PDB file of N, CA and C in Angstrom:
ATOM      1  N   GLU A   1     -20.081  14.281  -0.188  1.00  0.00           N
ATOM      2  CA  GLU A   1     -20.330  14.207  -1.614  1.00  0.00           C
ATOM      3  C   GLU A   1     -19.316  13.299  -2.301  1.00  0.00           C
ATOM      4  N   LEU A   2     -18.075  13.369  -1.874  1.00  0.00           N
ATOM      5  CA  LEU A   2     -17.042  12.516  -2.449  1.00  0.00           C
ATOM      6  C   LEU A   2     -17.349  11.043  -2.162  1.00  0.00           C
ATOM      7  N   LEU A   3     -17.848  10.759  -0.981  1.00  0.00           N
ATOM      8  CA  LEU A   3     -18.199   9.385  -0.625  1.00  0.00           C
ATOM      9  C   LEU A   3     -19.322   8.854  -1.515  1.00  0.00           C
ATOM     10  N   THR A   4     -20.297   9.694  -1.821  1.00  0.00           N
ATOM     11  CA  THR A   4     -21.398   9.286  -2.694  1.00  0.00           C
ATOM     12  C   THR A   4     -20.894   8.963  -4.091  1.00  0.00           C
ATOM     13  N   VAL A   5     -20.005   9.784  -4.613  1.00  0.00           N
ATOM     14  CA  VAL A   5     -19.436   9.549  -5.942  1.00  0.00           C
ATOM     15  C   VAL A   5     -18.625   8.259  -5.937  1.00  0.00           C
ATOM     16  N   LEU A   6     -17.875   8.035  -4.890  1.00  0.00           N
ATOM     17  CA  LEU A   6     -17.068   6.825  -4.781  1.00  0.00           C
ATOM     18  C   LEU A   6     -17.948   5.582  -4.712  1.00  0.00           C
ATOM     19  N   LEU A   7     -19.007   5.646  -3.922  1.00  0.00           N
ATOM     20  CA  LEU A   7     -19.907   4.500  -3.809  1.00  0.00           C
ATOM     21  C   LEU A   7     -20.647   4.225  -5.119  1.00  0.00           C
ATOM     22  N   ASP A   8     -21.011   5.282  -5.839  1.00  0.00           N
ATOM     23  CA  ASP A   8     -21.648   5.094  -7.145  1.00  0.00           C
ATOM     24  C   ASP A   8     -20.692   4.430  -8.131  1.00  0.00           C
ATOM     25  N   GLY A   9     -19.446   4.843  -8.103  1.00  0.00           N
ATOM     26  CA  GLY A   9     -18.443   4.225  -8.977  1.00  0.00           C
ATOM     27  C   GLY A   9     -18.209   2.771  -8.638  1.00  0.00           C
ATOM     28  N   MET A  10     -18.198   2.454  -7.346  1.00  0.00           N
ATOM     29  CA  MET A  10     -18.010   1.063  -6.929  1.00  0.00           C
ATOM     30  C   MET A  10     -19.196   0.209  -7.325  1.00  0.00           C
ATOM     31  N   ALA A  11     -20.405   0.754  -7.254  1.00  0.00           N
ATOM     32  CA  ALA A  11     -21.599   0.009  -7.663  1.00  0.00           C
ATOM     33  C   ALA A  11     -21.569  -0.249  -9.161  1.00  0.00           C
ATOM     34  N   ALA A  12     -21.143   0.726  -9.933  1.00  0.00           N
ATOM     35  CA  ALA A  12     -21.055   0.539 -11.383  1.00  0.00           C
ATOM     36  C   ALA A  12     -20.002  -0.507 -11.726  1.00  0.00           C
ATOM     37  N   ALA A  13     -18.870  -0.452 -11.042  1.00  0.00           N
ATOM     38  CA  ALA A  13     -17.820  -1.441 -11.295  1.00  0.00           C
ATOM     39  C   ALA A  13     -18.292  -2.837 -10.905  1.00  0.00           C
ATOM     40  N   GLY A  14     -18.986  -2.933  -9.777  1.00  0.00           N
ATOM     41  CA  GLY A  14     -19.514  -4.225  -9.357  1.00  0.00           C
ATOM     42  C   GLY A  14     -20.547  -4.767 -10.328  1.00  0.00           C
ATOM     43  N   GLY A  15     -21.368  -3.883 -10.861  1.00  0.00           N
ATOM     44  CA  GLY A  15     -22.359  -4.304 -11.856  1.00  0.00           C
ATOM     45  C   GLY A  15     -21.705  -4.810 -13.123  1.00  0.00           C
ATOM     46  N   ALA A  16     -20.667  -4.119 -13.568  1.00  0.00           N
ATOM     47  CA  ALA A  16     -19.968  -4.537 -14.779  1.00  0.00           C
ATOM     48  C   ALA A  16     -19.260  -5.876 -14.567  1.00  0.00           C
ATOM     49  N   ILE A  17     -18.641  -6.040 -13.433  1.00  0.00           N
ATOM     50  CA  ILE A  17     -17.959  -7.306 -13.142  1.00  0.00           C
ATOM     51  C   ILE A  17     -18.982  -8.433 -13.023  1.00  0.00           C
ATOM     52  N   GLY A  18     -20.101  -8.164 -12.373  1.00  0.00           N
ATOM     53  CA  GLY A  18     -21.146  -9.182 -12.241  1.00  0.00           C
ATOM     54  C   GLY A  18     -21.727  -9.592 -13.580  1.00  0.00           C
ATOM     55  N   ALA A  19     -21.953  -8.630 -14.461  1.00  0.00           N
ATOM     56  CA  ALA A  19     -22.471  -8.945 -15.793  1.00  0.00           C
ATOM     57  C   ALA A  19     -21.464  -9.779 -16.578  1.00  0.00           C
ATOM     58  N   GLY A  20     -20.193  -9.447 -16.452  1.00  0.00           N
ATOM     59  CA  GLY A  20     -19.155 -10.222 -17.138  1.00  0.00           C
ATOM     60  C   GLY A  20     -19.049 -11.641 -16.617  1.00  0.00           C
ATOM     61  N   ILE A  21     -19.153 -11.805 -15.312  1.00  0.00           N
ATOM     62  CA  ILE A  21     -19.090 -13.147 -14.726  1.00  0.00           C
ATOM     63  C   ILE A  21     -20.299 -13.971 -15.147  1.00  0.00           C
ATOM     64  N   ALA A  22     -21.465 -13.351 -15.220  1.00  0.00           N
ATOM     65  CA  ALA A  22     -22.666 -14.068 -15.658  1.00  0.00           C
ATOM     66  C   ALA A  22     -22.514 -14.542 -17.102  1.00  0.00           C
ATOM     67  N   ALA A  23     -21.980 -13.684 -17.970  1.00  0.00           N
ATOM     68  CA  ALA A  23     -21.784 -14.069 -19.365  1.00  0.00           C
ATOM     69  C   ALA A  23     -20.724 -15.163 -19.486  1.00  0.00           C
ATOM     70  N   LEU A  24     -19.667 -15.047 -18.712  1.00  0.00           N
ATOM     71  CA  LEU A  24     -18.612 -16.067 -18.734  1.00  0.00           C
ATOM     72  C   LEU A  24     -19.141 -17.408 -18.234  1.00  0.00           C
ATOM     73  N   GLY A  25     -19.928 -17.372 -17.162  1.00  0.00           N
ATOM     74  CA  GLY A  25     -20.512 -18.600 -16.631  1.00  0.00           C
ATOM     75  C   GLY A  25     -21.443 -19.265 -17.627  1.00  0.00           C
ATOM     76  N   ALA A  26     -22.201 -18.471 -18.359  1.00  0.00           N
ATOM     77  CA  ALA A  26     -23.096 -19.033 -19.374  1.00  0.00           C
ATOM     78  C   ALA A  26     -22.299 -19.707 -20.487  1.00  0.00           C
ATOM     79  N   GLY A  27     -21.216 -19.075 -20.892  1.00  0.00           N
ATOM     80  CA  GLY A  27     -20.386 -19.676 -21.941  1.00  0.00           C
ATOM     81  C   GLY A  27     -19.787 -21.004 -21.512  1.00  0.00           C
ATOM     82  N   VAL A  28     -19.301 -21.057 -20.289  1.00  0.00           N
ATOM     83  CA  VAL A  28     -18.734 -22.304 -19.774  1.00  0.00           C
ATOM     84  C   VAL A  28     -19.822 -23.371 -19.638  1.00  0.00           C
ATOM     85  N   GLY A  29     -21.000 -22.959 -19.133  1.00  0.00           N
ATOM     86  CA  GLY A  29     -22.096 -23.913 -18.951  1.00  0.00           C
ATOM     87  C   GLY A  29     -22.576 -24.509 -20.257  1.00  0.00           C
ATOM     88  N   VAL A  30     -22.758 -23.681 -21.264  1.00  0.00           N
ATOM     89  CA  VAL A  30     -23.211 -24.183 -22.568  1.00  0.00           C
ATOM     90  C   VAL A  30     -22.128 -25.049 -23.199  1.00  0.00           C
ATOM     91  N   GLY A  31     -20.873 -24.682 -23.000  1.00  0.00           N
ATOM     92  CA  GLY A  31     -19.785 -25.516 -23.505  1.00  0.00           C
ATOM     93  C   GLY A  31     -19.772 -26.897 -22.867  1.00  0.00           C
ATOM     94  N   GLN A  32     -20.010 -26.946 -21.566  1.00  0.00           N
ATOM     95  CA  GLN A  32     -20.060 -28.245 -20.878  1.00  0.00           C
ATOM     96  C   GLN A  32     -21.244 -29.083 -21.348  1.00  0.00           C
ATOM     97  N   ILE A  33     -22.380 -28.431 -21.584  1.00  0.00           N
ATOM     98  CA  ILE A  33     -23.560 -29.144 -22.076  1.00  0.00           C
ATOM     99  C   ILE A  33     -23.270 -29.735 -23.450  1.00  0.00           C
ATOM    100  N   GLY A  34     -22.682 -28.925 -24.331  1.00  0.00           N
ATOM    101  CA  GLY A  34     -22.355 -29.412 -25.676  1.00  0.00           C
ATOM    102  C   GLY A  34     -21.340 -30.539 -25.650  1.00  0.00           C
ATOM    103  N   LYS A  35     -20.337 -30.405 -24.792  1.00  0.00           N
ATOM    104  CA  LYS A  35     -19.314 -31.448 -24.678  1.00  0.00           C
ATOM    105  C   LYS A  35     -19.925 -32.779 -24.234  1.00  0.00           C
ATOM    106  N   ALA A  36     -20.748 -32.710 -23.201  1.00  0.00           N
ATOM    107  CA  ALA A  36     -21.362 -33.934 -22.692  1.00  0.00           C
ATOM    108  C   ALA A  36     -22.316 -34.544 -23.713  1.00  0.00           C
ATOM    109  N   ALA A  37     -23.042 -33.707 -24.434  1.00  0.00           N
ATOM    110  CA  ALA A  37     -23.976 -34.225 -25.437  1.00  0.00           C
ATOM    111  C   ALA A  37     -23.224 -34.905 -26.578  1.00  0.00           C
ATOM    112  N   LEU A  38     -22.143 -34.297 -27.032  1.00  0.00           N
ATOM    113  CA  LEU A  38     -21.378 -34.908 -28.120  1.00  0.00           C
ATOM    114  C   LEU A  38     -20.738 -36.219 -27.689  1.00  0.00           C
ATOM    115  N   GLU A  39     -20.250 -36.279 -26.469  1.00  0.00           N
ATOM    116  CA  GLU A  39     -19.681 -37.532 -25.975  1.00  0.00           C
ATOM    117  C   GLU A  39     -20.757 -38.620 -25.884  1.00  0.00           C
ATOM    118  N   SER A  40     -21.942 -38.233 -25.446  1.00  0.00           N
ATOM    119  CA  SER A  40     -23.032 -39.202 -25.348  1.00  0.00           C
ATOM    120  C   SER A  40     -23.477 -39.672 -26.722  1.00  0.00           C
ATOM    121  N   MET A  41     -23.526 -38.762 -27.692  1.00  0.00           N
ATOM    122  CA  MET A  41     -23.898 -39.146 -29.055  1.00  0.00           C
ATOM    123  C   MET A  41     -22.855 -40.060 -29.673  1.00  0.00           C
ATOM    124  N   ALA A  42     -21.594 -39.866 -29.323  1.00  0.00           N
ATOM    125  CA  ALA A  42     -20.539 -40.731 -29.847  1.00  0.00           C
ATOM    126  C   ALA A  42     -20.670 -42.142 -29.276  1.00  0.00           C
ATOM    127  N   ARG A  43     -21.108 -42.251 -28.022  1.00  0.00           N
ATOM    128  CA  ARG A  43     -21.267 -43.565 -27.408  1.00  0.00           C
ATOM    129  C   ARG A  43     -22.511 -44.285 -27.894  1.00  0.00           C
ATOM    130  N   GLN A  44     -23.609 -43.538 -28.029  1.00  0.00           N
ATOM    131  CA  GLN A  44     -24.884 -44.139 -28.440  1.00  0.00           C
ATOM    132  C   GLN A  44     -25.527 -43.264 -29.513  1.00  0.00           C
ATOM    133  N   PRO A  45     -25.185 -43.487 -30.768  1.00  0.00           N
ATOM    134  CA  PRO A  45     -25.704 -42.635 -31.841  1.00  0.00           C
ATOM    135  C   PRO A  45     -27.224 -42.731 -32.018  1.00  0.00           C
ATOM    136  N   GLU A  46     -27.822 -43.812 -31.595  1.00  0.00           N
ATOM    137  CA  GLU A  46     -29.270 -43.986 -31.806  1.00  0.00           C
ATOM    138  C   GLU A  46     -30.125 -43.063 -30.945  1.00  0.00           C
ATOM    139  N   ILE A  47     -29.567 -42.466 -29.905  1.00  0.00           N
ATOM    140  CA  ILE A  47     -30.367 -41.561 -29.062  1.00  0.00           C
ATOM    141  C   ILE A  47     -30.081 -40.090 -29.360  1.00  0.00           C
ATOM    142  N   SER A  48     -29.453 -39.821 -30.492  1.00  0.00           N
ATOM    143  CA  SER A  48     -29.018 -38.449 -30.762  1.00  0.00           C
ATOM    144  C   SER A  48     -30.192 -37.478 -30.902  1.00  0.00           C
ATOM    145  N   GLY A  49     -31.339 -37.928 -31.410  1.00  0.00           N
ATOM    146  CA  GLY A  49     -32.484 -37.032 -31.551  1.00  0.00           C
ATOM    147  C   GLY A  49     -33.015 -36.564 -30.211  1.00  0.00           C
ATOM    148  N   ASP A  50     -33.243 -37.493 -29.297  1.00  0.00           N
ATOM    149  CA  ASP A  50     -33.731 -37.127 -27.955  1.00  0.00           C
ATOM    150  C   ASP A  50     -32.692 -36.315 -27.195  1.00  0.00           C
ATOM    151  N   LEU A  51     -31.458 -36.705 -27.351  1.00  0.00           N
ATOM    152  CA  LEU A  51     -30.388 -36.013 -26.645  1.00  0.00           C
ATOM    153  C   LEU A  51     -30.235 -34.573 -27.136  1.00  0.00           C
ATOM    154  N   ARG A  52     -30.388 -34.375 -28.436  1.00  0.00           N
ATOM    155  CA  ARG A  52     -30.257 -33.030 -29.001  1.00  0.00           C
ATOM    156  C   ARG A  52     -31.336 -32.096 -28.452  1.00  0.00           C
ATOM    157  N   SER A  53     -32.567 -32.588 -28.369  1.00  0.00           N
ATOM    158  CA  SER A  53     -33.639 -31.726 -27.852  1.00  0.00           C
ATOM    159  C   SER A  53     -33.430 -31.414 -26.373  1.00  0.00           C
ATOM    160  N   ASN A  54     -32.978 -32.376 -25.607  1.00  0.00           N
ATOM    161  CA  ASN A  54     -32.689 -32.123 -24.184  1.00  0.00           C
ATOM    162  C   ASN A  54     -31.516 -31.156 -24.019  1.00  0.00           C
ATOM    163  N   MET A  55     -30.536 -31.262 -24.903  1.00  0.00           N
ATOM    164  CA  MET A  55     -29.385 -30.377 -24.842  1.00  0.00           C
ATOM    165  C   MET A  55     -29.811 -28.933 -25.135  1.00  0.00           C
ATOM    166  N   ILE A  56     -30.662 -28.761 -26.128  1.00  0.00           N
ATOM    167  CA  ILE A  56     -31.128 -27.411 -26.468  1.00  0.00           C
ATOM    168  C   ILE A  56     -31.932 -26.821 -25.317  1.00  0.00           C
ATOM    169  N   LEU A  57     -32.759 -27.635 -24.680  1.00  0.00           N
ATOM    170  CA  LEU A  57     -33.545 -27.159 -23.538  1.00  0.00           C
ATOM    171  C   LEU A  57     -32.630 -26.735 -22.383  1.00  0.00           C
ATOM    172  N   ALA A  58     -31.635 -27.550 -22.073  1.00  0.00           N
ATOM    173  CA  ALA A  58     -30.716 -27.214 -20.981  1.00  0.00           C
ATOM    174  C   ALA A  58     -29.912 -25.955 -21.306  1.00  0.00           C
ATOM    175  N   ALA A  59     -29.472 -25.821 -22.548  1.00  0.00           N
ATOM    176  CA  ALA A  59     -28.718 -24.629 -22.935  1.00  0.00           C
ATOM    177  C   ALA A  59     -29.591 -23.380 -22.853  1.00  0.00           C
ATOM    178  N   ALA A  60     -30.855 -23.508 -23.219  1.00  0.00           N
ATOM    179  CA  ALA A  60     -31.765 -22.366 -23.132  1.00  0.00           C
ATOM    180  C   ALA A  60     -31.970 -21.942 -21.680  1.00  0.00           C
ATOM    181  N   LEU A  61     -32.074 -22.910 -20.778  1.00  0.00           N
ATOM    182  CA  LEU A  61     -32.228 -22.576 -19.366  1.00  0.00           C
ATOM    183  C   LEU A  61     -30.989 -21.880 -18.817  1.00  0.00           C
ATOM    184  N   VAL A  62     -29.819 -22.352 -19.200  1.00  0.00           N
ATOM    185  CA  VAL A  62     -28.572 -21.717 -18.755  1.00  0.00           C
ATOM    186  C   VAL A  62     -28.489 -20.293 -19.292  1.00  0.00           C
ATOM    187  N   GLU A  63     -28.826 -20.121 -20.562  1.00  0.00           N
ATOM    188  CA  GLU A  63     -28.778 -18.785 -21.154  1.00  0.00           C
ATOM    189  C   GLU A  63     -29.802 -17.847 -20.515  1.00  0.00           C
ATOM    190  N   GLY A  64     -30.962 -18.381 -20.144  1.00  0.00           N
ATOM    191  CA  GLY A  64     -31.976 -17.561 -19.492  1.00  0.00           C
ATOM    192  C   GLY A  64     -31.509 -17.040 -18.146  1.00  0.00           C
ATOM    193  N   VAL A  65     -30.892 -17.900 -17.365  1.00  0.00           N
ATOM    194  CA  VAL A  65     -30.373 -17.477 -16.063  1.00  0.00           C
ATOM    195  C   VAL A  65     -29.245 -16.462 -16.247  1.00  0.00           C
ATOM    196  N   ALA A  66     -28.391 -16.686 -17.236  1.00  0.00           N
ATOM    197  CA  ALA A  66     -27.299 -15.751 -17.491  1.00  0.00           C
ATOM    198  C   ALA A  66     -27.830 -14.398 -17.946  1.00  0.00           C
ATOM    199  N   LEU A  67     -28.910 -14.406 -18.720  1.00  0.00           N
ATOM    200  CA  LEU A  67     -29.497 -13.151 -19.163  1.00  0.00           C
ATOM    201  C   LEU A  67     -29.983 -12.326 -17.971  1.00  0.00           C
ATOM    202  N   PHE A  68     -30.592 -12.988 -17.002  1.00  0.00           N
ATOM    203  CA  PHE A  68     -31.011 -12.272 -15.791  1.00  0.00           C
ATOM    204  C   PHE A  68     -29.802 -11.681 -15.066  1.00  0.00           C
ATOM    205  N   GLY A  69     -28.710 -12.423 -15.006  1.00  0.00           N
ATOM    206  CA  GLY A  69     -27.500 -11.908 -14.359  1.00  0.00           C
ATOM    207  C   GLY A  69     -26.919 -10.708 -15.079  1.00  0.00           C
ATOM    208  N   VAL A  70     -26.894 -10.755 -16.401  1.00  0.00           N
ATOM    209  CA  VAL A  70     -26.374  -9.635 -17.184  1.00  0.00           C
ATOM    210  C   VAL A  70     -27.267  -8.407 -17.023  1.00  0.00           C
ATOM    211  N   ILE A  71     -28.579  -8.617 -17.052  1.00  0.00           N
ATOM    212  CA  ILE A  71     -29.513  -7.497 -16.875  1.00  0.00           C
ATOM    213  C   ILE A  71     -29.362  -6.872 -15.489  1.00  0.00           C
ATOM    214  N   ALA A  72     -29.204  -7.709 -14.467  1.00  0.00           N
ATOM    215  CA  ALA A  72     -29.006  -7.186 -13.120  1.00  0.00           C
ATOM    216  C   ALA A  72     -27.713  -6.380 -13.032  1.00  0.00           C
ATOM    217  N   GLY A  73     -26.662  -6.845 -13.696  1.00  0.00           N
ATOM    218  CA  GLY A  73     -25.398  -6.100 -13.714  1.00  0.00           C
ATOM    219  C   GLY A  73     -25.530  -4.780 -14.431  1.00  0.00           C
ATOM    220  N   ILE A  74     -26.235  -4.771 -15.553  1.00  0.00           N
ATOM    221  CA  ILE A  74     -26.429  -3.530 -16.288  1.00  0.00           C
ATOM    222  C   ILE A  74     -27.276  -2.550 -15.486  1.00  0.00           C
ATOM    223  N   LEU A  75     -28.299  -3.066 -14.808  1.00  0.00           N
ATOM    224  CA  LEU A  75     -29.115  -2.192 -13.975  1.00  0.00           C
ATOM    225  C   LEU A  75     -28.316  -1.599 -12.824  1.00  0.00           C
ATOM    226  N   ALA A  76     -27.365  -2.359 -12.294  1.00  0.00           N
ATOM    227  CA  ALA A  76     -26.519  -1.825 -11.231  1.00  0.00           C
ATOM    228  C   ALA A  76     -25.633  -0.690 -11.753  1.00  0.00           C
ATOM    229  N   ILE A  77     -25.256  -0.768 -13.016  1.00  0.00           N
ATOM    230  CA  ILE A  77     -24.444   0.299 -13.607  1.00  0.00           C
ATOM    231  C   ILE A  77     -25.306   1.547 -13.834  1.00  0.00           C
ATOM    232  N   VAL A  78     -26.497   1.337 -14.380  1.00  0.00           N
ATOM    233  CA  VAL A  78     -27.345   2.460 -14.786  1.00  0.00           C
ATOM    234  C   VAL A  78     -27.992   3.152 -13.585  1.00  0.00           C
ATOM    235  N   LEU A  79     -28.467   2.372 -12.648  1.00  0.00           N
ATOM    236  CA  LEU A  79     -29.216   2.976 -11.532  1.00  0.00           C
ATOM    237  C   LEU A  79     -28.302   3.326 -10.424  1.00  0.00           C
TER     238      LEU A  79
END
C-alpha cells in the first residue's frame, strides 16, 4: 500500500513538472517567434503585413502543442 501511495505521488509530481515545462517551452517559443518577426520587420518593413499573419499562425501552433502538454500533465495529476 505504501508503494502505491508513493507511485501515485511520483506520477502527480511528474505531471506537474511536465505541465510546467510545456508552459515554459511555449513561452520561449512564442518569444523566439516574436523576436524573429520584429527583426525581419525592421529589415524589410514592406512585408510586415504578411509576416504578421505568419507569425500569428506559428504562435497559435506553438500554443496549441503546449496546451496539449499542459492538459496531459494535469491529467497525470488527476488520474
